[in-house]
Amino acid sequence: MTVRPIRLFGDPVLRSPADPIPSGSLGSPGIRDLVQDLLDTVREPGRAGVAAPQIGVGLRAFSYNVDGEVGYVLNPEIVEVSGEPELMDEGCLSVPGLAYPTRRHPYAKVRGVDVDGAEVVVDGTGLMAEALQHEVDHLGGTVYVMTLDPEVRRQALRDIREQDWFH
C-alpha cells in the first residue's frame, strides 16, 4: 500500500499531456503498481479522484472515490457529456485549500480499460460527472483553474501565489 504525495500547481508534470499506456504494458508489474498506488491515494479522506500526473506519472490513468464507489480507468476518454454546463464549486488536490466556480456538464461518461485490457465504462451525474471531467482534464495537461472564466482565473492565480505551498 502506497499513498503517493500529490504534485502541486506549478509542477511541470501537471501541464504536460499524459501518454497513453501501450496495450503491451497492460498487466505489467509497473502498471499494476501504478493502479494500486492510485487506488491507495484516492482512498484518503476527502478525495474524489486522483490522476496519474498528480502523483508524478505522465500516463493516462486515474482513480475515483465517489459516494463509496472506488475504481480506476486506464487510457480514459470522455465519450459523452450532456446537459447544459453548470457552475459547481470545484477544488483540486493539486490546488489545496481553494475552490472556484467551474463549468461542468451534469452528466459524463468515460470509456477506457482496466489493467487486463478489458473495457471499463464509468458514468454518472453530480460529483461523479464532475470528477470524470476533472480527471480527464488532468490527463490532457489542464488543471481546472486554467479553465475558469477570465476574471475568476485571475483571482485564482493571485490566491495561489499567496499560498505557502506554492513557494
C-alpha atoms as a PDB file:
ATOM      1  CA  MET A   1       0.000   0.000   0.000  1.00  0.00           C
ATOM      2  CA  THR A   2       1.458   3.323  -1.079  1.00  0.00           C
ATOM      3  CA  VAL A   3      -0.250   6.655  -0.657  1.00  0.00           C
ATOM      4  CA  ARG A   4       1.743   8.854  -3.015  1.00  0.00           C
ATOM      5  CA  PRO A   5       2.334  12.576  -2.427  1.00  0.00           C
ATOM      6  CA  ILE A   6       0.255  14.909  -4.591  1.00  0.00           C
ATOM      7  CA  ARG A   7       2.069  17.208  -7.015  1.00  0.00           C
ATOM      8  CA  LEU A   8       1.058  20.837  -6.607  1.00  0.00           C
ATOM      9  CA  PHE A   9       0.098  23.535  -9.108  1.00  0.00           C
ATOM     10  CA  GLY A  10       3.247  24.781 -10.791  1.00  0.00           C
ATOM     11  CA  ASP A  11       4.777  21.298 -11.166  1.00  0.00           C
ATOM     12  CA  PRO A  12       5.506  20.776 -14.884  1.00  0.00           C
ATOM     13  CA  VAL A  13       4.048  17.228 -14.869  1.00  0.00           C
ATOM     14  CA  LEU A  14       0.604  18.780 -14.325  1.00  0.00           C
ATOM     15  CA  ARG A  15       0.906  20.871 -17.509  1.00  0.00           C
ATOM     16  CA  SER A  16       2.040  18.058 -19.789  1.00  0.00           C
ATOM     17  CA  PRO A  17      -0.440  15.818 -21.626  1.00  0.00           C
ATOM     18  CA  ALA A  18      -0.168  12.272 -20.288  1.00  0.00           C
ATOM     19  CA  ASP A  19       0.899   9.467 -22.613  1.00  0.00           C
ATOM     20  CA  PRO A  20      -1.417   6.558 -23.410  1.00  0.00           C
ATOM     21  CA  ILE A  21      -0.476   3.294 -21.734  1.00  0.00           C
ATOM     22  CA  PRO A  22       0.656   0.932 -24.529  1.00  0.00           C
ATOM     23  CA  SER A  23      -1.519  -2.183 -24.752  1.00  0.00           C
ATOM     24  CA  GLY A  24       1.634  -4.286 -24.387  1.00  0.00           C
ATOM     25  CA  SER A  25       2.240  -2.729 -20.955  1.00  0.00           C
ATOM     26  CA  LEU A  26      -1.200  -3.576 -19.580  1.00  0.00           C
ATOM     27  CA  GLY A  27      -0.900  -6.232 -16.910  1.00  0.00           C
ATOM     28  CA  SER A  28       2.766  -5.467 -16.303  1.00  0.00           C
ATOM     29  CA  PRO A  29       4.011  -5.153 -12.716  1.00  0.00           C
ATOM     30  CA  GLY A  30       4.660  -1.426 -13.242  1.00  0.00           C
ATOM     31  CA  ILE A  31       1.097  -0.716 -14.389  1.00  0.00           C
ATOM     32  CA  ARG A  32      -0.370  -2.905 -11.637  1.00  0.00           C
ATOM     33  CA  ASP A  33       1.705  -0.959  -9.086  1.00  0.00           C
ATOM     34  CA  LEU A  34       0.532   2.350 -10.578  1.00  0.00           C
ATOM     35  CA  VAL A  35      -3.112   1.264 -10.293  1.00  0.00           C
ATOM     36  CA  GLN A  36      -2.622   0.175  -6.680  1.00  0.00           C
ATOM     37  CA  ASP A  37      -0.920   3.476  -5.821  1.00  0.00           C
ATOM     38  CA  LEU A  38      -3.761   5.435  -7.475  1.00  0.00           C
ATOM     39  CA  LEU A  39      -6.352   3.434  -5.518  1.00  0.00           C
ATOM     40  CA  ASP A  40      -4.463   3.775  -2.220  1.00  0.00           C
ATOM     41  CA  THR A  41      -4.001   7.513  -2.777  1.00  0.00           C
ATOM     42  CA  VAL A  42      -7.654   8.220  -3.674  1.00  0.00           C
ATOM     43  CA  ARG A  43      -8.896   6.379  -0.589  1.00  0.00           C
ATOM     44  CA  GLU A  44      -7.530   9.117   1.676  1.00  0.00           C
ATOM     45  CA  PRO A  45     -10.385  11.134   3.247  1.00  0.00           C
ATOM     46  CA  GLY A  46     -11.825  13.952   1.156  1.00  0.00           C
ATOM     47  CA  ARG A  47     -10.597  12.706  -2.206  1.00  0.00           C
ATOM     48  CA  ALA A  48     -12.903  12.174  -5.191  1.00  0.00           C
ATOM     49  CA  GLY A  49     -10.249  11.494  -7.809  1.00  0.00           C
ATOM     50  CA  VAL A  50      -6.517  11.264  -8.461  1.00  0.00           C
ATOM     51  CA  ALA A  51      -4.945  11.415 -11.922  1.00  0.00           C
ATOM     52  CA  ALA A  52      -1.575   9.760 -12.534  1.00  0.00           C
ATOM     53  CA  PRO A  53       0.155  13.110 -13.251  1.00  0.00           C
ATOM     54  CA  GLN A  54      -0.878  14.252  -9.773  1.00  0.00           C
ATOM     55  CA  ILE A  55       1.399  11.546  -8.351  1.00  0.00           C
ATOM     56  CA  GLY A  56       4.151  12.351 -10.832  1.00  0.00           C
ATOM     57  CA  VAL A  57       3.370   9.745 -13.505  1.00  0.00           C
ATOM     58  CA  GLY A  58       2.757  11.019 -17.037  1.00  0.00           C
ATOM     59  CA  LEU A  59       0.406   8.209 -18.087  1.00  0.00           C
ATOM     60  CA  ARG A  60      -3.326   8.247 -18.914  1.00  0.00           C
ATOM     61  CA  ALA A  61      -4.768   6.750 -15.736  1.00  0.00           C
ATOM     62  CA  PHE A  62      -6.935   7.946 -12.888  1.00  0.00           C
ATOM     63  CA  SER A  63      -8.733   6.635  -9.835  1.00  0.00           C
ATOM     64  CA  TYR A  64     -12.007   7.817  -8.338  1.00  0.00           C
ATOM     65  CA  ASN A  65     -13.784   7.615  -4.993  1.00  0.00           C
ATOM     66  CA  VAL A  66     -17.330   8.959  -5.236  1.00  0.00           C
ATOM     67  CA  ASP A  67     -20.210   8.012  -2.948  1.00  0.00           C
ATOM     68  CA  GLY A  68     -18.417   4.864  -1.780  1.00  0.00           C
ATOM     69  CA  GLU A  69     -17.617   3.714  -5.326  1.00  0.00           C
ATOM     70  CA  VAL A  70     -13.852   3.336  -5.769  1.00  0.00           C
ATOM     71  CA  GLY A  71     -12.284   2.392  -9.090  1.00  0.00           C
ATOM     72  CA  TYR A  72      -9.872   3.347 -11.825  1.00  0.00           C
ATOM     73  CA  VAL A  73      -9.690   3.756 -15.592  1.00  0.00           C
ATOM     74  CA  LEU A  74      -6.655   3.393 -17.840  1.00  0.00           C
ATOM     75  CA  ASN A  75      -6.484   5.281 -21.147  1.00  0.00           C
ATOM     76  CA  PRO A  76      -9.788   7.034 -20.418  1.00  0.00           C
ATOM     77  CA  GLU A  77     -11.609   9.153 -22.944  1.00  0.00           C
ATOM     78  CA  ILE A  78     -14.771  11.132 -22.368  1.00  0.00           C
ATOM     79  CA  VAL A  79     -17.270   9.613 -24.782  1.00  0.00           C
ATOM     80  CA  GLU A  80     -20.352  11.548 -23.734  1.00  0.00           C
ATOM     81  CA  VAL A  81     -21.379  14.623 -21.804  1.00  0.00           C
ATOM     82  CA  SER A  82     -24.871  16.011 -21.628  1.00  0.00           C
ATOM     83  CA  GLY A  83     -26.834  18.815 -20.107  1.00  0.00           C
ATOM     84  CA  GLU A  84     -26.075  22.492 -20.103  1.00  0.00           C
ATOM     85  CA  PRO A  85     -22.789  23.161 -18.248  1.00  0.00           C
ATOM     86  CA  GLU A  86     -23.443  24.329 -14.688  1.00  0.00           C
ATOM     87  CA  LEU A  87     -21.250  26.250 -12.276  1.00  0.00           C
ATOM     88  CA  MET A  88     -20.043  23.956  -9.496  1.00  0.00           C
ATOM     89  CA  ASP A  89     -17.677  24.807  -6.658  1.00  0.00           C
ATOM     90  CA  GLU A  90     -14.677  22.727  -7.565  1.00  0.00           C
ATOM     91  CA  GLY A  91     -11.437  22.065  -5.768  1.00  0.00           C
ATOM     92  CA  CYS A  92      -8.321  20.081  -6.612  1.00  0.00           C
ATOM     93  CA  LEU A  93      -5.755  18.188  -4.580  1.00  0.00           C
ATOM     94  CA  SER A  94      -3.070  19.973  -6.623  1.00  0.00           C
ATOM     95  CA  VAL A  95      -4.516  23.353  -5.565  1.00  0.00           C
ATOM     96  CA  PRO A  96      -5.149  22.602  -1.871  1.00  0.00           C
ATOM     97  CA  GLY A  97      -7.420  24.735   0.232  1.00  0.00           C
ATOM     98  CA  LEU A  98      -9.004  26.630  -2.658  1.00  0.00           C
ATOM     99  CA  ALA A  99     -12.205  26.146  -4.669  1.00  0.00           C
ATOM    100  CA  TYR A 100     -13.745  28.095  -7.521  1.00  0.00           C
ATOM    101  CA  PRO A 101     -16.942  28.027  -9.605  1.00  0.00           C
ATOM    102  CA  THR A 102     -16.194  25.780 -12.599  1.00  0.00           C
ATOM    103  CA  ARG A 103     -18.441  24.961 -15.549  1.00  0.00           C
ATOM    104  CA  ARG A 104     -19.121  21.228 -15.805  1.00  0.00           C
ATOM    105  CA  HIS A 105     -21.702  19.170 -17.652  1.00  0.00           C
ATOM    106  CA  PRO A 106     -24.140  17.494 -15.236  1.00  0.00           C
ATOM    107  CA  TYR A 107     -23.599  14.082 -16.891  1.00  0.00           C
ATOM    108  CA  ALA A 108     -20.399  12.469 -18.151  1.00  0.00           C
ATOM    109  CA  LYS A 109     -19.363   9.051 -19.434  1.00  0.00           C
ATOM    110  CA  VAL A 110     -15.780   7.809 -19.700  1.00  0.00           C
ATOM    111  CA  ARG A 111     -14.553   4.721 -21.546  1.00  0.00           C
ATOM    112  CA  GLY A 112     -11.177   3.067 -21.077  1.00  0.00           C
ATOM    113  CA  VAL A 113      -9.689  -0.218 -19.973  1.00  0.00           C
ATOM    114  CA  ASP A 114      -8.689  -1.995 -16.780  1.00  0.00           C
ATOM    115  CA  VAL A 115      -5.244  -3.395 -16.004  1.00  0.00           C
ATOM    116  CA  ASP A 116      -6.011  -6.559 -18.002  1.00  0.00           C
ATOM    117  CA  GLY A 117      -7.244  -4.650 -21.060  1.00  0.00           C
ATOM    118  CA  ALA A 118     -10.975  -5.249 -20.510  1.00  0.00           C
ATOM    119  CA  GLU A 119     -13.246  -2.337 -21.394  1.00  0.00           C
ATOM    120  CA  VAL A 120     -14.337  -0.122 -18.497  1.00  0.00           C
ATOM    121  CA  VAL A 121     -17.195   2.376 -18.721  1.00  0.00           C
ATOM    122  CA  VAL A 122     -17.871   4.784 -15.863  1.00  0.00           C
ATOM    123  CA  ASP A 123     -20.628   7.359 -15.935  1.00  0.00           C
ATOM    124  CA  GLY A 124     -22.592   9.489 -13.578  1.00  0.00           C
ATOM    125  CA  THR A 125     -24.144  12.758 -12.609  1.00  0.00           C
ATOM    126  CA  GLY A 126     -23.272  15.312  -9.966  1.00  0.00           C
ATOM    127  CA  LEU A 127     -19.964  14.704  -8.230  1.00  0.00           C
ATOM    128  CA  MET A 128     -19.172  11.668 -10.417  1.00  0.00           C
ATOM    129  CA  ALA A 129     -19.676  13.706 -13.618  1.00  0.00           C
ATOM    130  CA  GLU A 130     -17.534  16.487 -12.185  1.00  0.00           C
ATOM    131  CA  ALA A 131     -14.780  14.060 -11.121  1.00  0.00           C
ATOM    132  CA  LEU A 132     -14.683  12.314 -14.508  1.00  0.00           C
ATOM    133  CA  GLN A 133     -14.341  15.594 -16.384  1.00  0.00           C
ATOM    134  CA  HIS A 134     -11.799  16.937 -13.872  1.00  0.00           C
ATOM    135  CA  GLU A 135      -9.550  13.858 -14.005  1.00  0.00           C
ATOM    136  CA  VAL A 136      -9.606  13.610 -17.815  1.00  0.00           C
ATOM    137  CA  ASP A 137      -8.659  17.313 -17.921  1.00  0.00           C
ATOM    138  CA  HIS A 138      -5.604  16.470 -15.783  1.00  0.00           C
ATOM    139  CA  LEU A 139      -4.601  13.817 -18.315  1.00  0.00           C
ATOM    140  CA  GLY A 140      -4.680  16.472 -21.019  1.00  0.00           C
ATOM    141  CA  GLY A 141      -2.321  18.678 -19.004  1.00  0.00           C
ATOM    142  CA  THR A 142      -5.038  21.021 -17.731  1.00  0.00           C
ATOM    143  CA  VAL A 143      -5.518  21.992 -14.105  1.00  0.00           C
ATOM    144  CA  TYR A 144      -9.069  23.228 -13.599  1.00  0.00           C
ATOM    145  CA  VAL A 145      -8.088  26.761 -12.568  1.00  0.00           C
ATOM    146  CA  MET A 146      -6.904  27.340 -16.130  1.00  0.00           C
ATOM    147  CA  THR A 147     -10.453  26.700 -17.417  1.00  0.00           C
ATOM    148  CA  LEU A 148     -12.134  29.271 -15.180  1.00  0.00           C
ATOM    149  CA  ASP A 149     -13.833  32.370 -16.509  1.00  0.00           C
ATOM    150  CA  PRO A 150     -11.083  35.013 -17.033  1.00  0.00           C
ATOM    151  CA  GLU A 151     -11.886  37.215 -14.037  1.00  0.00           C
ATOM    152  CA  VAL A 152     -12.198  34.222 -11.699  1.00  0.00           C
ATOM    153  CA  ARG A 153      -8.975  32.711 -13.134  1.00  0.00           C
ATOM    154  CA  ARG A 154      -7.066  35.945 -12.412  1.00  0.00           C
ATOM    155  CA  GLN A 155      -8.281  35.869  -8.805  1.00  0.00           C
ATOM    156  CA  ALA A 156      -7.485  32.150  -8.500  1.00  0.00           C
ATOM    157  CA  LEU A 157      -3.927  32.685  -9.734  1.00  0.00           C
ATOM    158  CA  ARG A 158      -3.487  35.566  -7.254  1.00  0.00           C
ATOM    159  CA  ASP A 159      -4.799  33.332  -4.464  1.00  0.00           C
ATOM    160  CA  ILE A 160      -2.456  30.503  -5.479  1.00  0.00           C
ATOM    161  CA  ARG A 161       0.586  32.795  -5.425  1.00  0.00           C
ATOM    162  CA  GLU A 162      -0.300  33.705  -1.810  1.00  0.00           C
ATOM    163  CA  GLN A 163      -0.360  30.076  -0.617  1.00  0.00           C
ATOM    164  CA  ASP A 164       2.551  28.789   1.490  1.00  0.00           C
ATOM    165  CA  TRP A 165       2.660  25.586  -0.572  1.00  0.00           C
ATOM    166  CA  PHE A 166       3.211  27.483  -3.837  1.00  0.00           C
ATOM    167  CA  HIS A 167       6.722  28.627  -2.985  1.00  0.00           C
END
